[in-house]
N, C-alpha and C. Protein backbone atom coordinates (compact mmCIF):
# COMPACT_ATOMS: atom_id res chain seq x y z
N MET A 1 113.52 118.77 131.86
CA MET A 1 113.50 118.65 130.45
C MET A 1 113.50 117.12 129.87
N ALA A 2 114.38 115.90 131.06
CA ALA A 2 113.86 114.56 130.28
C ALA A 2 112.83 114.68 129.98
N ILE A 3 111.09 115.41 130.46
CA ILE A 3 110.06 114.58 129.86
C ILE A 3 109.72 115.08 129.29
N LEU A 4 110.86 115.80 128.44
CA LEU A 4 110.17 116.14 127.18
C LEU A 4 110.99 115.56 125.24
N THR A 5 111.47 114.76 126.34
CA THR A 5 112.77 113.05 125.19
C THR A 5 111.55 112.92 124.35
N SER A 6 110.64 111.97 124.80
CA SER A 6 109.32 110.93 124.61
C SER A 6 108.74 111.99 123.34
N SER A 7 108.51 111.00 121.98
CA SER A 7 107.40 111.83 121.67
C SER A 7 106.31 112.05 121.62
N ILE A 8 105.91 111.54 122.98
CA ILE A 8 103.72 111.91 122.64
C ILE A 8 104.51 112.43 124.12
N ALA A 9 105.25 113.48 124.73
CA ALA A 9 105.23 113.78 125.70
C ALA A 9 105.63 115.18 125.09
N ARG A 10 106.07 115.07 124.05
CA ARG A 10 107.03 116.39 123.20
C ARG A 10 105.24 116.76 122.52
N LYS A 11 104.50 115.52 121.78
CA LYS A 11 103.43 116.00 120.95
C LYS A 11 102.37 116.99 122.42
N VAL A 12 102.52 116.23 123.35
CA VAL A 12 101.59 116.88 124.26
C VAL A 12 101.60 118.12 125.23
N ALA A 13 103.49 118.81 125.27
CA ALA A 13 103.97 120.25 125.74
C ALA A 13 103.62 120.76 123.92
N MET A 14 103.26 120.25 122.77
CA MET A 14 103.01 120.85 121.91
C MET A 14 101.75 121.83 121.92
N ALA A 15 101.28 120.33 122.00
CA ALA A 15 99.23 120.65 122.15
C ALA A 15 99.03 122.25 123.32
N LEU A 16 99.76 121.66 124.34
CA LEU A 16 99.14 122.49 125.48
C LEU A 16 99.33 123.59 125.38
N SER A 17 100.84 124.04 124.32
CA SER A 17 101.51 125.65 124.21
C SER A 17 100.46 126.24 123.53
N GLY A 18 99.81 125.27 122.40
CA GLY A 18 98.95 125.74 121.07
C GLY A 18 97.66 126.14 122.18
N LEU A 19 96.42 125.02 123.05
CA LEU A 19 95.72 125.60 123.67
C LEU A 19 95.91 127.31 124.39
N PHE A 20 96.54 127.80 125.03
CA PHE A 20 96.64 128.32 125.46
C PHE A 20 97.08 129.76 124.77
N LEU A 21 98.03 129.88 123.43
CA LEU A 21 98.18 131.08 122.53
C LEU A 21 96.26 130.35 122.01
N VAL A 22 95.69 130.05 122.01
CA VAL A 22 94.44 129.69 121.02
C VAL A 22 93.75 130.79 122.31
N ILE A 23 93.57 130.76 123.54
CA ILE A 23 93.25 131.62 124.76
C ILE A 23 93.49 132.96 124.71
N PHE A 24 94.87 132.97 124.10
CA PHE A 24 94.68 134.03 124.26
C PHE A 24 94.80 135.01 123.36
N LEU A 25 94.94 134.01 121.49
CA LEU A 25 94.16 134.75 120.46
C LEU A 25 92.82 135.20 120.52
N ALA A 26 91.90 134.75 121.44
CA ALA A 26 90.83 134.64 121.37
C ALA A 26 90.47 135.70 122.26
N GLN A 27 91.10 136.14 123.65
CA GLN A 27 91.41 137.10 124.53
C GLN A 27 91.11 138.53 123.49
N HIS A 28 92.14 138.32 122.65
CA HIS A 28 93.10 139.70 121.68
C HIS A 28 92.03 139.98 120.95
N PHE A 29 91.23 139.08 120.20
CA PHE A 29 90.29 139.61 119.30
C PHE A 29 88.78 140.51 120.27
N ILE A 30 88.55 140.48 121.26
CA ILE A 30 87.20 140.54 122.33
C ILE A 30 87.95 142.15 121.74
N ILE A 31 89.15 142.40 122.30
CA ILE A 31 89.84 143.72 123.03
C ILE A 31 89.97 144.12 121.24
N ASN A 32 90.70 143.69 120.57
CA ASN A 32 90.54 144.21 118.94
C ASN A 32 89.00 144.38 118.13
N PHE A 33 88.32 143.77 118.93
CA PHE A 33 87.20 144.09 117.62
C PHE A 33 86.48 145.62 119.04
N THR A 34 86.38 145.61 119.53
CA THR A 34 85.59 146.96 120.29
C THR A 34 86.08 148.35 119.93
N SER A 35 87.41 148.13 118.85
CA SER A 35 87.33 149.40 118.49
C SER A 35 86.34 149.59 116.84
N VAL A 36 85.74 148.50 116.78
CA VAL A 36 85.18 148.62 115.16
C VAL A 36 83.52 149.51 115.81
N LEU A 37 83.48 148.41 117.34
CA LEU A 37 82.17 148.36 117.93
C LEU A 37 82.55 150.02 119.10
N ASP A 38 83.32 150.44 119.62
CA ASP A 38 83.67 151.83 120.17
C ASP A 38 84.88 151.78 120.41
N PRO A 39 85.17 152.81 120.24
CA PRO A 39 86.40 153.27 120.26
C PRO A 39 86.90 153.73 121.97
N GLU A 40 85.92 154.47 122.42
CA GLU A 40 86.54 154.72 124.00
C GLU A 40 86.92 153.51 124.87
N THR A 41 85.58 152.20 124.26
CA THR A 41 86.07 151.01 124.91
C THR A 41 87.32 150.42 125.16
N PHE A 42 87.53 150.68 123.57
CA PHE A 42 89.10 150.49 123.14
C PHE A 42 90.02 150.87 123.46
N ASN A 43 89.97 152.36 124.22
CA ASN A 43 90.96 152.79 124.25
C ASN A 43 90.78 151.98 126.03
N SER A 44 89.91 152.31 126.82
CA SER A 44 90.21 151.97 127.97
C SER A 44 90.80 150.48 128.83
N LEU A 45 90.02 150.19 127.54
CA LEU A 45 90.91 148.44 127.36
C LEU A 45 92.38 148.04 127.73
N SER A 46 92.30 148.93 126.29
CA SER A 46 93.73 149.09 126.14
C SER A 46 94.67 149.02 126.65
N HIS A 47 93.81 150.55 127.87
CA HIS A 47 94.70 151.28 128.90
C HIS A 47 95.28 150.59 129.90
N PHE A 48 94.02 150.20 130.31
CA PHE A 48 94.22 148.36 131.62
C PHE A 48 94.93 147.89 130.95
N MET A 49 94.98 147.27 130.33
CA MET A 49 95.86 146.20 129.66
C MET A 49 97.46 146.55 129.47
N GLY A 50 97.44 147.66 129.14
CA GLY A 50 99.04 148.26 129.14
C GLY A 50 99.78 148.93 130.37
N HIS A 51 98.77 148.55 131.32
CA HIS A 51 99.18 149.52 132.36
C HIS A 51 98.63 148.22 133.86
N ASN A 52 98.46 146.94 133.43
CA ASN A 52 98.50 146.27 134.59
C ASN A 52 99.43 145.31 134.97
N PHE A 53 99.37 145.91 135.79
CA PHE A 53 101.12 144.67 136.99
C PHE A 53 100.96 143.86 136.39
N VAL A 54 99.75 142.98 136.55
CA VAL A 54 99.39 141.24 136.44
C VAL A 54 99.60 141.41 134.51
N VAL A 55 99.27 141.86 133.78
CA VAL A 55 98.94 141.52 132.26
C VAL A 55 100.55 141.57 132.09
N GLN A 56 100.76 143.18 132.41
CA GLN A 56 102.56 143.01 131.85
C GLN A 56 103.37 142.37 132.25
N PHE A 57 103.71 142.69 133.67
CA PHE A 57 104.65 141.14 134.49
C PHE A 57 105.02 140.19 134.63
N ILE A 58 103.36 139.21 134.82
CA ILE A 58 103.66 138.37 134.49
C ILE A 58 102.68 137.09 133.44
N ALA A 59 101.26 137.64 132.81
CA ALA A 59 100.87 137.70 131.71
C ALA A 59 101.69 137.91 130.42
N GLN A 60 101.60 138.56 129.90
CA GLN A 60 103.25 139.03 129.00
C GLN A 60 104.15 138.21 128.50
N PRO A 61 105.16 138.22 129.28
CA PRO A 61 106.18 137.61 130.11
C PRO A 61 106.03 136.45 129.56
N ILE A 62 104.84 135.69 130.25
CA ILE A 62 104.56 133.90 129.96
C ILE A 62 104.19 133.86 128.64
N LEU A 63 103.40 134.56 127.75
CA LEU A 63 102.62 134.82 126.54
C LEU A 63 103.79 133.97 126.42
N ILE A 64 105.18 135.88 125.99
CA ILE A 64 105.95 135.48 124.66
C ILE A 64 106.83 133.76 125.45
N ILE A 65 107.68 133.72 126.73
CA ILE A 65 107.68 131.93 126.42
C ILE A 65 106.90 131.17 125.58
N GLY A 66 105.60 131.61 125.79
CA GLY A 66 104.48 130.46 125.62
C GLY A 66 104.92 130.31 123.61
N VAL A 67 104.24 131.51 122.94
CA VAL A 67 104.89 131.68 121.80
C VAL A 67 106.41 130.88 121.59
N ILE A 68 107.81 131.13 122.26
CA ILE A 68 108.92 130.14 121.80
C ILE A 68 108.63 129.22 121.74
N PHE A 69 108.06 128.94 122.43
CA PHE A 69 108.14 127.43 123.58
C PHE A 69 107.27 126.65 122.29
N HIS A 70 106.34 127.23 121.65
CA HIS A 70 105.68 126.55 120.56
C HIS A 70 106.00 126.50 119.34
N PHE A 71 106.50 127.47 119.11
CA PHE A 71 107.00 127.43 117.73
C PHE A 71 108.96 126.12 117.68
N VAL A 72 109.02 126.55 118.58
CA VAL A 72 111.02 126.26 118.75
C VAL A 72 110.31 124.21 118.58
N MET A 73 108.83 123.47 119.44
CA MET A 73 108.73 121.96 119.78
C MET A 73 108.15 122.36 118.25
N GLY A 74 107.23 123.24 117.45
CA GLY A 74 106.99 122.74 116.28
C GLY A 74 108.02 122.46 114.88
N ILE A 75 109.41 123.11 115.07
CA ILE A 75 110.77 122.92 114.78
C ILE A 75 110.94 121.40 114.72
N ILE A 76 111.39 120.89 116.06
CA ILE A 76 111.76 119.41 116.85
C ILE A 76 111.19 118.25 116.14
N LEU A 77 109.82 118.45 116.39
CA LEU A 77 108.82 117.78 115.80
C LEU A 77 108.81 117.64 114.28
N GLU A 78 108.64 118.70 114.02
CA GLU A 78 109.02 118.35 112.03
C GLU A 78 109.84 117.66 111.41
N ILE A 79 111.47 117.99 112.50
CA ILE A 79 112.33 117.51 112.24
C ILE A 79 112.37 116.31 112.76
N ARG A 80 112.09 115.71 113.68
CA ARG A 80 112.20 114.67 114.08
C ARG A 80 111.26 113.87 112.94
N ASN A 81 110.18 113.78 112.89
CA ASN A 81 109.39 113.30 111.76
C ASN A 81 109.53 113.42 110.33
N ARG A 82 110.26 113.99 109.57
CA ARG A 82 110.73 114.13 108.69
C ARG A 82 111.95 112.97 108.75
N SER A 83 113.01 112.89 110.06
CA SER A 83 113.98 111.51 110.03
C SER A 83 113.38 110.75 109.53
N ALA A 84 112.12 110.25 110.89
CA ALA A 84 111.98 109.00 111.29
C ALA A 84 110.52 108.38 109.57
N ARG A 85 110.90 109.00 108.92
CA ARG A 85 109.56 108.63 107.72
C ARG A 85 111.02 107.75 106.84
N GLN A 86 110.19 106.32 106.78
CA GLN A 86 111.02 105.09 106.58
C GLN A 86 110.54 105.10 104.72
N ILE A 87 109.70 106.04 104.04
CA ILE A 87 108.90 105.97 102.99
C ILE A 87 109.93 106.73 102.07
N SER A 88 110.06 106.96 101.38
CA SER A 88 110.92 107.94 100.21
C SER A 88 109.92 108.41 99.91
N TYR A 89 110.77 110.16 99.27
CA TYR A 89 109.89 111.06 98.53
C TYR A 89 109.30 110.46 97.19
N LYS A 90 109.24 109.63 97.10
CA LYS A 90 108.93 108.75 95.35
C LYS A 90 107.95 108.86 95.37
N SER A 91 107.45 108.04 96.24
CA SER A 91 106.84 106.99 96.88
C SER A 91 105.82 107.18 97.80
N TYR A 92 106.22 108.53 98.18
CA TYR A 92 104.95 109.08 99.31
C TYR A 92 103.99 109.99 98.73
N LYS A 93 102.79 109.21 99.44
CA LYS A 93 101.41 109.92 98.96
C LYS A 93 100.84 110.49 99.77
N GLY A 94 101.91 111.09 100.79
CA GLY A 94 100.32 111.21 101.90
C GLY A 94 100.00 113.11 101.53
N ASN A 95 99.35 113.35 100.41
CA ASN A 95 98.26 114.17 99.93
C ASN A 95 97.25 113.63 99.49
N ARG A 96 97.41 112.37 99.12
CA ARG A 96 96.04 111.83 99.13
C ARG A 96 95.25 111.47 100.25
N ASN A 97 95.78 112.01 101.41
CA ASN A 97 94.43 111.55 103.04
C ASN A 97 95.30 112.33 103.57
N SER A 98 95.92 113.66 103.25
CA SER A 98 95.92 114.51 104.25
C SER A 98 95.93 115.82 103.45
N SER A 99 95.71 116.38 104.71
CA SER A 99 95.56 118.00 103.97
C SER A 99 96.33 118.82 103.74
N TRP A 100 96.36 120.25 102.68
CA TRP A 100 97.23 120.79 102.93
C TRP A 100 98.13 121.47 104.04
N ALA A 101 97.23 122.37 104.74
CA ALA A 101 97.31 122.53 106.43
C ALA A 101 97.95 121.81 106.88
N SER A 102 98.12 120.24 106.88
CA SER A 102 98.96 119.53 107.63
C SER A 102 99.98 118.90 107.32
N ARG A 103 100.00 118.69 105.94
CA ARG A 103 101.02 118.74 105.87
C ARG A 103 102.32 120.16 105.55
N ASN A 104 101.71 121.32 105.52
CA ASN A 104 102.65 122.38 105.82
C ASN A 104 102.98 123.67 107.10
N MET A 105 102.44 122.60 107.88
CA MET A 105 102.30 123.27 109.36
C MET A 105 103.48 123.97 109.40
N ILE A 106 105.02 123.61 109.25
CA ILE A 106 105.47 124.13 109.44
C ILE A 106 105.82 125.64 108.75
N ILE A 107 105.55 125.78 106.95
CA ILE A 107 105.54 127.15 106.21
C ILE A 107 104.49 127.71 107.00
N SER A 108 103.13 127.40 107.34
CA SER A 108 102.33 128.29 108.21
C SER A 108 102.82 128.96 109.13
N GLY A 109 103.67 127.97 109.94
CA GLY A 109 103.85 128.49 111.12
C GLY A 109 105.13 129.79 111.32
N ALA A 110 105.84 129.24 110.13
CA ALA A 110 106.96 129.93 110.26
C ALA A 110 106.37 131.33 109.36
N VAL A 111 105.47 131.67 109.12
CA VAL A 111 104.76 133.11 108.68
C VAL A 111 103.99 133.65 109.27
N ILE A 112 103.60 133.03 110.48
CA ILE A 112 102.68 133.29 111.40
C ILE A 112 103.80 134.11 112.19
N LEU A 113 105.09 133.49 112.11
CA LEU A 113 105.69 133.38 113.34
C LEU A 113 106.99 135.51 112.83
N ALA A 114 106.93 135.33 111.26
CA ALA A 114 107.55 136.84 110.82
C ALA A 114 106.41 137.57 111.20
N PHE A 115 104.64 137.09 110.97
CA PHE A 115 103.97 138.12 111.25
C PHE A 115 103.97 138.68 112.23
N LEU A 116 104.39 137.38 113.57
CA LEU A 116 103.72 137.61 114.69
C LEU A 116 105.52 139.28 115.08
N GLY A 117 106.44 138.63 114.43
CA GLY A 117 107.46 140.10 114.67
C GLY A 117 106.86 141.12 114.40
N LEU A 118 106.46 141.10 113.09
CA LEU A 118 106.05 142.52 112.70
C LEU A 118 104.32 143.14 113.79
N HIS A 119 104.19 142.74 114.33
CA HIS A 119 102.97 143.01 115.15
C HIS A 119 103.62 143.74 116.23
N PHE A 120 105.20 142.80 116.51
CA PHE A 120 106.01 143.05 118.08
C PHE A 120 106.52 144.67 117.22
N TYR A 121 106.85 144.96 116.22
CA TYR A 121 107.64 145.78 115.95
C TYR A 121 106.58 146.83 115.46
N ASP A 122 105.03 146.77 115.34
CA ASP A 122 104.30 148.09 115.03
C ASP A 122 103.77 148.03 116.08
N PHE A 123 103.59 147.91 117.15
CA PHE A 123 102.60 147.74 118.51
C PHE A 123 103.30 147.49 120.01
N TRP A 124 104.18 146.59 119.88
CA TRP A 124 104.69 146.16 121.16
C TRP A 124 105.74 147.08 121.80
N PHE A 125 107.31 147.33 120.62
CA PHE A 125 108.16 148.04 120.95
C PHE A 125 107.55 149.41 120.68
N PRO A 126 106.91 150.43 119.77
CA PRO A 126 106.58 151.66 120.06
C PRO A 126 105.77 151.74 121.95
N GLU A 127 104.88 150.52 122.01
CA GLU A 127 104.72 150.75 122.96
C GLU A 127 105.48 151.33 124.74
N ILE A 128 106.68 150.33 124.60
CA ILE A 128 107.60 149.98 125.49
C ILE A 128 108.05 151.27 125.36
N VAL A 129 108.45 151.18 124.66
CA VAL A 129 109.43 153.11 124.14
C VAL A 129 108.71 153.84 124.71
N HIS A 130 107.31 154.36 124.58
CA HIS A 130 106.32 155.50 124.40
C HIS A 130 106.82 155.85 126.68
N LYS A 131 106.06 154.13 126.98
CA LYS A 131 106.46 153.99 128.18
C LYS A 131 107.26 154.37 128.80
N TYR A 132 108.07 154.09 128.53
CA TYR A 132 109.21 153.26 129.27
C TYR A 132 110.61 154.21 129.21
N VAL A 133 110.91 154.56 127.96
CA VAL A 133 111.58 155.20 127.56
C VAL A 133 111.56 156.88 127.63
N GLU A 134 110.64 157.31 126.51
CA GLU A 134 110.08 158.41 126.49
C GLU A 134 109.44 159.06 127.57
N SER A 135 108.73 157.92 128.35
CA SER A 135 107.87 159.01 129.35
C SER A 135 107.16 159.78 129.28
N HIS A 136 106.36 159.67 128.60
CA HIS A 136 105.13 160.19 127.94
C HIS A 136 104.01 160.74 129.71
N PRO A 137 103.20 161.54 129.14
CA PRO A 137 102.37 160.99 130.05
C PRO A 137 101.27 160.77 130.11
N VAL A 138 100.58 159.57 131.02
CA VAL A 138 98.94 158.99 130.68
C VAL A 138 98.32 159.42 129.56
N ASP A 139 98.25 159.24 128.33
CA ASP A 139 97.06 159.45 127.80
C ASP A 139 96.16 157.90 127.48
N GLU A 140 94.77 158.22 128.20
CA GLU A 140 94.48 156.80 128.28
C GLU A 140 93.52 157.49 126.57
N THR A 141 93.68 157.92 126.13
CA THR A 141 92.64 158.20 124.69
C THR A 141 93.20 157.47 123.45
N ARG A 142 94.70 157.28 123.60
CA ARG A 142 95.63 157.66 122.54
C ARG A 142 95.58 156.40 121.48
N TYR A 143 95.11 155.25 122.13
CA TYR A 143 95.44 154.29 121.55
C TYR A 143 94.26 153.54 120.60
N TYR A 144 93.33 153.92 120.18
CA TYR A 144 92.51 154.20 118.55
C TYR A 144 93.08 154.82 117.82
N THR A 145 93.68 155.87 118.06
CA THR A 145 94.16 156.80 116.53
C THR A 145 95.72 156.22 116.38
N GLU A 146 96.68 155.42 117.33
CA GLU A 146 96.95 154.97 117.28
C GLU A 146 97.28 153.49 116.17
N LEU A 147 95.55 152.95 116.20
CA LEU A 147 95.46 151.84 115.97
C LEU A 147 95.52 152.06 114.79
N LEU A 148 94.42 153.32 114.35
CA LEU A 148 94.31 153.41 113.57
C LEU A 148 95.67 153.98 111.54
N GLN A 149 96.54 154.72 112.48
CA GLN A 149 97.52 155.23 112.42
C GLN A 149 98.31 153.91 111.10
N LYS A 150 98.35 152.58 111.96
CA LYS A 150 98.99 150.92 112.02
C LYS A 150 98.13 150.62 110.15
N PHE A 151 96.92 151.00 110.01
CA PHE A 151 96.22 150.02 109.19
C PHE A 151 95.68 151.40 108.45
N GLU A 152 96.78 152.54 107.78
CA GLU A 152 96.37 153.40 107.09
C GLU A 152 97.29 153.12 105.27
N SER A 153 98.20 152.22 105.88
CA SER A 153 98.91 151.68 104.79
C SER A 153 98.65 150.56 103.85
N PRO A 154 97.87 150.04 102.63
CA PRO A 154 96.88 149.51 101.94
C PRO A 154 98.33 147.95 102.56
N VAL A 155 99.30 148.26 102.08
CA VAL A 155 100.32 147.25 101.78
C VAL A 155 100.12 146.48 103.33
N ARG A 156 100.25 147.50 104.68
CA ARG A 156 100.99 146.48 105.60
C ARG A 156 99.05 145.75 105.85
N THR A 157 98.29 146.99 105.94
CA THR A 157 96.96 145.80 106.24
C THR A 157 97.09 144.77 105.14
N GLY A 158 97.17 144.94 103.98
CA GLY A 158 96.99 143.71 102.88
C GLY A 158 97.96 142.55 104.10
N LEU A 159 99.40 143.03 104.06
CA LEU A 159 100.12 141.72 104.96
C LEU A 159 99.49 140.87 106.15
N TYR A 160 98.48 141.88 107.12
CA TYR A 160 98.09 141.63 108.53
C TYR A 160 97.15 140.63 107.58
N CYS A 161 95.88 140.89 106.86
CA CYS A 161 95.21 139.65 106.54
C CYS A 161 95.88 138.26 106.01
N LEU A 162 96.67 138.78 104.90
CA LEU A 162 97.12 137.71 104.13
C LEU A 162 98.08 136.41 105.67
N SER A 163 98.48 137.42 106.52
CA SER A 163 99.00 136.25 108.05
C SER A 163 97.95 135.69 108.72
N PHE A 164 96.69 136.17 108.45
CA PHE A 164 95.72 135.54 109.23
C PHE A 164 95.00 134.36 108.03
N VAL A 165 95.12 134.53 107.51
CA VAL A 165 94.63 133.42 106.20
C VAL A 165 95.80 132.27 106.04
N LEU A 166 96.32 132.19 106.65
CA LEU A 166 97.85 131.60 107.30
C LEU A 166 97.19 130.71 108.21
N LEU A 167 97.29 131.99 108.86
CA LEU A 167 96.57 131.63 110.68
C LEU A 167 95.32 130.57 110.70
N ALA A 168 94.38 130.91 109.96
CA ALA A 168 93.50 129.92 109.35
C ALA A 168 93.54 128.67 109.08
N LEU A 169 94.42 128.12 108.01
CA LEU A 169 94.98 127.04 108.09
C LEU A 169 95.44 126.66 108.78
N HIS A 170 96.48 127.44 110.03
CA HIS A 170 97.41 126.29 110.87
C HIS A 170 96.19 125.85 111.87
N LEU A 171 95.21 126.90 111.72
CA LEU A 171 94.39 126.60 113.22
C LEU A 171 93.36 125.19 113.23
N TRP A 172 93.18 125.38 111.58
CA TRP A 172 92.29 124.13 110.66
C TRP A 172 92.50 123.11 111.24
N HIS A 173 94.07 123.27 111.27
CA HIS A 173 94.75 121.33 111.12
C HIS A 173 95.33 121.45 112.95
N GLY A 174 95.83 122.32 113.29
CA GLY A 174 96.45 122.79 114.80
C GLY A 174 95.72 122.37 115.74
N PHE A 175 94.52 123.14 116.06
CA PHE A 175 93.52 123.09 116.88
C PHE A 175 93.00 121.92 117.31
N SER A 176 92.31 121.65 116.15
CA SER A 176 92.05 120.06 116.68
C SER A 176 92.45 118.67 116.71
N SER A 177 94.24 118.82 116.11
CA SER A 177 94.91 117.60 116.04
C SER A 177 95.84 117.52 118.13
N SER A 178 95.05 119.71 118.64
CA SER A 178 95.50 119.33 119.90
C SER A 178 95.13 118.04 120.87
N PHE A 179 93.49 118.40 120.59
CA PHE A 179 93.62 117.57 121.17
C PHE A 179 92.92 115.91 121.06
N GLN A 180 93.54 115.39 119.73
CA GLN A 180 94.16 114.28 119.82
C GLN A 180 95.75 113.55 120.50
N SER A 181 96.05 114.64 120.28
CA SER A 181 97.61 114.26 121.31
C SER A 181 97.57 114.02 122.45
N MET A 182 96.58 114.62 122.84
CA MET A 182 96.01 114.45 124.32
C MET A 182 95.23 113.22 124.69
N GLY A 183 95.18 112.44 123.62
CA GLY A 183 93.97 111.14 124.01
C GLY A 183 93.20 111.68 123.79
N TRP A 184 92.23 113.21 122.97
CA TRP A 184 91.21 113.36 124.00
C TRP A 184 90.21 112.59 122.66
N ASN A 185 89.01 111.20 123.04
CA ASN A 185 88.87 110.64 121.92
C ASN A 185 87.56 109.81 122.78
N ASN A 186 86.17 111.20 122.13
CA ASN A 186 85.18 110.29 123.57
C ASN A 186 84.12 110.55 121.89
N LYS A 187 82.68 110.81 122.85
CA LYS A 187 81.04 111.42 122.47
C LYS A 187 81.29 112.20 121.68
N TYR A 188 82.12 113.09 122.34
CA TYR A 188 81.97 114.87 121.85
C TYR A 188 83.33 115.03 121.15
N SER A 189 84.14 113.81 120.69
CA SER A 189 84.83 114.58 119.96
C SER A 189 84.63 115.18 118.13
N LYS A 190 83.48 114.69 117.85
CA LYS A 190 82.70 115.38 116.38
C LYS A 190 82.42 116.74 116.77
N ALA A 191 81.68 117.23 117.41
CA ALA A 191 81.38 118.42 118.24
C ALA A 191 82.27 119.23 118.43
N LEU A 192 83.92 118.57 118.91
CA LEU A 192 84.66 119.11 119.72
C LEU A 192 85.56 119.53 117.86
N ARG A 193 85.34 119.10 116.98
CA ARG A 193 86.03 119.78 115.83
C ARG A 193 85.13 120.14 114.93
N GLY A 194 84.03 120.20 115.26
CA GLY A 194 83.34 120.89 114.69
C GLY A 194 83.68 122.98 115.03
N PHE A 195 84.17 122.12 116.44
CA PHE A 195 83.98 124.20 116.75
C PHE A 195 84.95 124.33 116.68
N THR A 196 86.16 123.23 116.46
CA THR A 196 88.06 124.14 116.20
C THR A 196 87.58 124.09 115.36
N GLN A 197 87.12 123.54 114.40
CA GLN A 197 87.51 124.28 112.63
C GLN A 197 86.53 125.55 112.41
N PHE A 198 85.05 125.64 113.36
CA PHE A 198 84.55 127.28 113.48
C PHE A 198 85.41 128.49 114.18
N TYR A 199 85.85 127.95 115.27
CA TYR A 199 87.06 128.99 115.33
C TYR A 199 88.26 129.79 114.05
N ALA A 200 89.09 127.92 113.99
CA ALA A 200 89.56 128.58 112.48
C ALA A 200 89.18 129.07 112.05
N ILE A 201 87.81 129.16 110.92
CA ILE A 201 87.64 129.84 110.83
C ILE A 201 87.05 131.53 111.17
N PHE A 202 86.39 131.82 112.44
CA PHE A 202 85.52 132.72 112.20
C PHE A 202 86.54 134.08 113.53
N ILE A 203 87.49 133.67 113.69
CA ILE A 203 88.39 134.52 114.61
C ILE A 203 89.88 135.28 113.37
N PRO A 204 90.53 134.38 112.99
CA PRO A 204 90.98 135.39 111.80
C PRO A 204 90.87 135.65 110.88
N LEU A 205 89.56 135.62 110.36
CA LEU A 205 88.86 136.65 109.83
C LEU A 205 88.26 137.52 110.48
N GLY A 206 87.39 137.46 111.32
CA GLY A 206 87.48 138.36 112.20
C GLY A 206 88.75 139.39 112.48
N PHE A 207 89.86 139.32 112.50
CA PHE A 207 90.29 140.00 112.23
C PHE A 207 90.94 140.67 111.01
N ILE A 208 90.82 139.57 109.82
CA ILE A 208 91.05 140.70 108.79
C ILE A 208 89.61 142.15 108.29
N PHE A 209 88.37 141.13 108.82
CA PHE A 209 87.25 142.44 108.94
C PHE A 209 87.90 143.58 109.13
N ILE A 210 88.59 143.14 110.75
CA ILE A 210 88.93 144.81 111.28
C ILE A 210 89.79 145.61 111.33
N ALA A 211 90.85 144.55 110.11
CA ALA A 211 92.11 145.74 109.84
C ALA A 211 91.30 146.38 108.30
N ILE A 212 90.67 145.12 107.81
CA ILE A 212 89.98 146.05 106.62
C ILE A 212 88.98 147.32 106.96
N TYR A 213 88.57 147.00 107.64
CA TYR A 213 87.44 148.08 108.56
C TYR A 213 88.11 149.82 109.24
N LEU A 214 89.19 149.31 109.73
CA LEU A 214 89.81 150.19 110.20
C LEU A 214 91.15 151.15 108.77
N HIS A 215 91.29 150.38 108.36
CA HIS A 215 91.96 150.47 106.81
C HIS A 215 90.71 151.45 105.88
N LEU A 216 89.36 151.52 106.01
CA LEU A 216 88.84 151.73 105.38
C LEU A 216 88.20 153.04 106.11
N ASN A 217 88.49 153.43 107.25
CA ASN A 217 87.75 154.23 108.59
C ASN A 217 88.86 155.44 108.49
N GLN A 218 90.16 155.88 107.59
CA GLN A 218 90.32 157.13 107.78
C GLN A 218 90.04 158.13 108.07
């Protein structure tokens, strides 16, 4: 862990863990979007993800560790950045040359972490109980129905949508800055920034569409 003691190493580690989570988010979106296009396909993919050994016992633990690592590193960097700032808050004019998203990454990150807690409570824990505690027989057609039930409440649906708005703000700054942290600076930088901004809007907006669609199709 000594390699993570330098500021640059911490930023690179933070960037790499963020990019890993961005890839997972895209995969998660693709599977969830099939619930809108074809419930049977959603059931099949969900069953595969829920019973595949590699996904359950290798990819899933790595994902959980990645989430914890990313947010812990974010808190550490935020504390160190505030401690290192030599300019007093009275004269600090950071809002003139930085966006709200970049100045409040810790806030949007904390809300997203709380959302992940709700997501685990809604989906992951019930799935674990269903498979390993209550030992129900395998039913490959249950996933879409269970997903619909989760979005029956307008309050829960609204919380999900709000969380994805904050996720968009978090990605707007975090996705592009991750490449800067790794020293990516060449003729493709402008195009890459455009892609990260498109991703930051499209993926969260897609999740919001899914949530509202499922809520309205009860």
